[in-house]
Protein backbone atom coordinates (compact mmCIF):
# COMPACT_ATOMS: atom_id res chain seq x y z
CA MET A 1 -0.03 -0.02 -0.13
CA ARG A 2 1.53 3.34 -1.31
CA LEU A 3 0.16 6.46 0.14
CA GLN A 4 1.03 10.01 0.72
CA SER A 5 -2.41 11.02 2.39
CA ALA A 6 -5.00 9.22 3.98
CA ILE A 7 -8.66 9.84 4.80
CA PHE A 8 -10.36 7.92 7.44
CA ASP A 9 -13.73 7.00 8.72
CA MET A 10 -14.25 7.38 12.27
CA ASP A 11 -17.09 5.10 13.62
CA GLY A 12 -16.33 1.47 12.98
CA THR A 13 -12.91 2.25 11.36
CA LEU A 14 -10.68 4.18 13.82
CA LEU A 15 -13.13 3.69 16.99
CA ASP A 16 -14.81 0.69 18.24
CA SER A 17 -18.08 2.75 18.59
CA MET A 18 -20.83 1.14 15.90
CA HIS A 19 -22.59 -0.39 18.83
CA ILE A 20 -23.68 2.80 20.26
CA TRP A 21 -25.29 3.97 17.15
CA ASN A 22 -27.16 0.70 16.23
CA ASP A 23 -29.79 1.60 18.92
CA VAL A 24 -29.68 5.08 19.36
CA GLY A 25 -32.51 6.20 17.12
CA PRO A 26 -35.11 3.75 18.25
CA LYS A 27 -34.19 3.89 22.10
CA THR A 28 -34.72 7.59 21.69
CA LEU A 29 -38.10 7.09 20.29
CA ARG A 30 -38.92 4.76 23.22
CA SER A 31 -37.91 7.34 25.63
CA ILE A 32 -40.55 9.41 24.36
CA GLY A 33 -43.27 6.51 24.41
CA ILE A 34 -42.98 5.33 20.78
CA GLU A 35 -42.26 1.88 19.42
CA PRO A 36 -39.99 2.07 16.40
CA ALA A 37 -40.32 0.07 13.09
CA PRO A 38 -37.64 -2.89 13.09
CA ASP A 39 -35.92 -1.33 10.19
CA LEU A 40 -35.39 1.96 11.65
CA GLY A 41 -32.04 1.59 13.10
CA PRO A 42 -30.32 0.56 9.82
CA ARG A 43 -32.05 3.18 8.04
CA LEU A 44 -30.80 6.00 10.20
CA MET A 45 -27.08 4.63 10.15
CA LEU A 46 -27.13 5.83 6.31
CA MET A 47 -27.95 9.27 7.27
CA THR A 48 -26.70 12.33 8.65
CA PHE A 49 -27.93 13.28 12.21
CA ARG A 50 -30.10 16.19 11.07
CA ASP A 51 -31.59 14.12 8.46
CA GLY A 52 -32.21 10.93 10.68
CA ALA A 53 -34.03 13.43 13.23
CA ALA A 54 -36.20 14.96 10.34
CA LEU A 55 -37.13 11.54 9.31
CA CYS A 56 -38.34 10.43 12.77
CA LYS A 57 -40.11 13.65 13.06
CA GLU A 58 -42.10 13.06 9.61
CA GLU A 59 -42.73 9.44 10.09
CA TYR A 60 -43.44 9.38 13.56
CA HIS A 61 -45.53 12.67 13.60
CA LEU A 62 -43.34 13.93 16.62
CA SER A 63 -44.21 17.24 18.33
CA GLU A 64 -40.39 17.77 19.06
CA SER A 65 -38.55 19.94 16.49
CA VAL A 66 -35.82 18.44 14.45
CA GLU A 67 -33.36 20.39 16.81
CA GLU A 68 -35.11 18.78 20.10
CA ILE A 69 -34.82 15.15 18.65
CA MET A 70 -31.37 15.81 17.74
CA ASP A 71 -30.42 17.11 21.16
CA LEU A 72 -32.21 13.79 22.62
CA THR A 73 -30.05 11.56 20.50
CA LYS A 74 -26.81 13.48 21.07
CA ALA A 75 -27.47 13.14 24.87
CA ARG A 76 -27.45 9.37 24.51
CA VAL A 77 -23.86 9.27 22.96
CA ARG A 78 -21.97 12.32 24.18
CA GLY A 79 -21.04 10.67 27.45
CA PHE A 80 -20.04 7.56 25.76
CA TYR A 81 -17.67 9.65 23.48
CA GLU A 82 -16.43 11.68 26.22
CA ASN A 83 -15.57 9.16 28.47
CA GLU A 84 -15.74 5.62 27.43
CA VAL A 85 -15.15 5.25 23.52
CA GLN A 86 -11.95 3.21 22.52
CA PRO A 87 -9.69 3.27 19.44
CA LYS A 88 -9.65 -0.08 17.71
CA PRO A 89 -6.62 -2.38 18.23
CA GLY A 90 -3.37 -1.09 16.52
CA VAL A 91 -5.00 2.33 15.29
CA GLU A 92 -2.92 4.67 17.18
CA LYS A 93 0.52 2.78 16.32
CA PHE A 94 -0.49 2.53 12.72
CA LEU A 95 -1.27 6.53 12.87
CA SER A 96 1.75 7.26 14.65
CA LEU A 97 3.80 5.40 11.86
CA LEU A 98 2.06 7.23 9.09
CA LYS A 99 2.83 10.73 10.82
CA MET A 100 6.17 9.72 11.26
CA GLU A 101 6.40 8.77 7.59
CA GLY A 102 4.88 12.25 6.68
CA VAL A 103 1.56 11.08 5.42
CA TRP A 104 -0.83 13.74 5.80
CA MET A 105 -4.30 12.49 7.23
CA TYR A 106 -8.07 13.64 7.53
CA VAL A 107 -11.21 12.12 9.36
CA ALA A 108 -14.45 12.36 7.06
CA THR A 109 -17.25 10.99 8.87
CA ASN A 110 -21.00 11.14 9.15
CA THR A 111 -20.88 11.80 12.93
CA ASP A 112 -21.43 15.64 13.89
CA ARG A 113 -18.37 17.71 14.55
CA ASP A 114 -18.71 18.40 18.37
CA LEU A 115 -19.19 14.33 19.07
CA VAL A 116 -16.21 13.40 16.64
CA GLU A 117 -13.97 16.28 18.72
CA ALA A 118 -14.85 14.63 21.93
CA ALA A 119 -14.01 11.28 20.64
CA LEU A 120 -10.76 11.98 19.28
CA LYS A 121 -9.81 13.93 22.24
CA HIS A 122 -10.87 11.32 24.76
CA THR A 123 -8.88 8.46 22.72
CA GLY A 124 -5.78 10.61 22.07
CA LEU A 125 -6.15 10.55 18.49
CA ASP A 126 -6.75 14.39 17.69
CA GLY A 127 -3.34 15.05 17.20
CA TYR A 128 -2.70 12.96 14.28
CA PHE A 129 -5.31 14.77 11.97
CA ARG A 130 -4.89 17.82 9.95
CA GLY A 131 -8.80 18.51 10.14
CA ILE A 132 -12.11 16.87 10.22
CA LEU A 133 -15.10 16.95 7.62
CA THR A 134 -18.58 15.83 8.41
CA CYS A 135 -21.30 14.86 6.11
CA ALA A 136 -23.45 17.46 7.58
CA GLU A 137 -20.81 20.21 6.61
CA VAL A 138 -20.44 18.90 3.12
CA GLY A 139 -24.25 18.71 2.65
CA ALA A 140 -24.36 15.16 1.44
CA GLY A 141 -23.96 11.44 3.00
CA LYS A 142 -21.62 9.00 1.95
CA LYS A 143 -24.31 6.77 0.46
CA ASP A 144 -25.32 9.70 -1.89
CA SER A 145 -22.05 11.38 -2.73
CA PRO A 146 -18.14 11.34 -2.82
CA GLU A 147 -17.97 15.06 -1.82
CA ILE A 148 -16.77 14.49 1.58
CA TYR A 149 -13.70 12.43 0.13
CA GLU A 150 -13.07 14.79 -2.79
CA ARG A 151 -12.97 17.78 -0.37
CA ALA A 152 -10.75 16.19 2.17
CA MET A 153 -8.35 15.07 -0.45
CA ARG A 154 -8.10 18.72 -1.65
CA ARG A 155 -7.31 20.04 1.86
CA LEU A 156 -4.65 17.39 2.01
CA ARG A 157 -3.30 18.59 -1.35
CA GLY A 158 -3.48 14.90 -2.51
CA ASN A 159 -4.73 13.19 -5.79
CA LYS A 160 -6.57 9.84 -6.02
CA LYS A 161 -3.42 7.52 -7.11
CA ASP A 162 -1.56 8.61 -3.79
CA THR A 163 -4.59 8.50 -1.44
CA VAL A 164 -6.24 5.74 0.55
CA ILE A 165 -9.70 5.93 2.23
CA PHE A 166 -10.15 3.61 5.35
CA GLU A 167 -13.85 2.77 5.43
CA ASP A 168 -15.80 -0.13 7.43
CA ALA A 169 -19.19 0.65 5.71
CA LEU A 170 -20.14 -1.17 2.36
CA HIS A 171 -22.17 2.14 1.20
CA ALA A 172 -19.37 4.34 1.74
CA ILE A 173 -16.83 1.96 -0.03
CA GLN A 174 -19.12 1.93 -2.95
CA THR A 175 -19.36 5.58 -3.10
CA ALA A 176 -15.49 6.10 -2.80
CA LYS A 177 -14.79 3.29 -5.47
CA ALA A 178 -17.46 4.77 -7.90
CA ALA A 179 -15.45 8.04 -7.52
CA GLY A 180 -12.02 6.47 -8.52
CA PHE A 181 -10.49 6.33 -5.01
CA ARG A 182 -8.35 3.51 -3.57
CA VAL A 183 -9.95 2.00 -0.67
CA CYS A 184 -8.82 -0.19 2.33
CA GLY A 185 -11.85 -1.89 3.85
CA VAL A 186 -11.66 -2.38 7.59
CA TYR A 187 -13.55 -5.16 9.06
CA ASP A 188 -16.36 -4.14 11.88
CA PRO A 189 -18.71 -6.69 13.27
CA SER A 190 -21.68 -4.26 12.69
CA ALA A 191 -21.02 -4.97 8.87
CA GLU A 192 -20.43 -8.70 9.06
CA ALA A 193 -23.11 -9.65 6.56
CA ASP A 194 -21.38 -7.26 3.96
CA GLN A 195 -17.93 -8.40 4.31
CA ALA A 196 -17.84 -10.39 1.04
CA GLU A 197 -18.81 -7.58 -1.07
CA ILE A 198 -16.33 -5.15 1.11
CA LYS A 199 -13.55 -7.64 0.47
CA SER A 200 -14.35 -7.83 -3.22
CA LEU A 201 -14.80 -4.05 -3.82
CA SER A 202 -11.79 -2.68 -1.60
CA ASP A 203 -8.21 -2.50 -2.80
CA TYR A 204 -6.88 -3.38 0.50
CA TYR A 205 -8.83 -5.25 3.19
CA ILE A 206 -7.95 -5.78 6.96
CA ARG A 207 -9.38 -7.35 9.82
CA SER A 208 -7.63 -5.32 12.33
CA PHE A 209 -4.99 -2.57 11.94
CA GLU A 210 -2.56 -4.69 13.76
CA GLU A 211 -2.22 -6.41 10.38
CA MET A 212 -0.77 -3.43 8.88
CA PHE A 213 2.64 -4.14 10.51
CA GLU A 214 2.88 -7.48 9.01
CA GLN A 215 2.95 -6.26 5.26
CA GLU A 216 4.54 -3.12 3.49
CA ILE A 217 2.38 -0.11 3.64
CA LEU A 218 4.67 3.02 2.63
């Protein structure tokens, strides 16, 4: 794997955090007395925070505003990011090596900036990245557009030949590959059912960042 710049997803890629998102939307609805549809959680996983709150408001006829729904949801995950979340095994060692080798790095994530900053600060990973971009800031989710990757690459002064995107989610990998990026698929249990397709699409595939020290990466 040759690279001069790298773009990392956060949840499920850098951090062991997908479990907090699997049920946060349904749990928020249950906290206000509404039983959600069984497919709500997977649908929300593909959306920005705001779009997910807007969907819940519309489909469940909530009296709360979109902002209030977002606040209810954020309250359920903020404490986790500030106090509990952990990096995936081998992540900090790998980032340290890339930084030492002069690789510029960015975070491109669906999670809102305030939560991203809290998570990276808690885990001590914040010093490795030149910046953060969120789907809300670019105005498009990873399922719909590669804009977040394109913008991050420009900020890194990179090009697609020398940039690798690290992602755990199939829909994000599909988008990045369709846009001509090189992708390293990163295993996460939340995407167990998608692993065969993730492997087939990815230029590189790892079960753990600890594998990166068993092969030539730079």
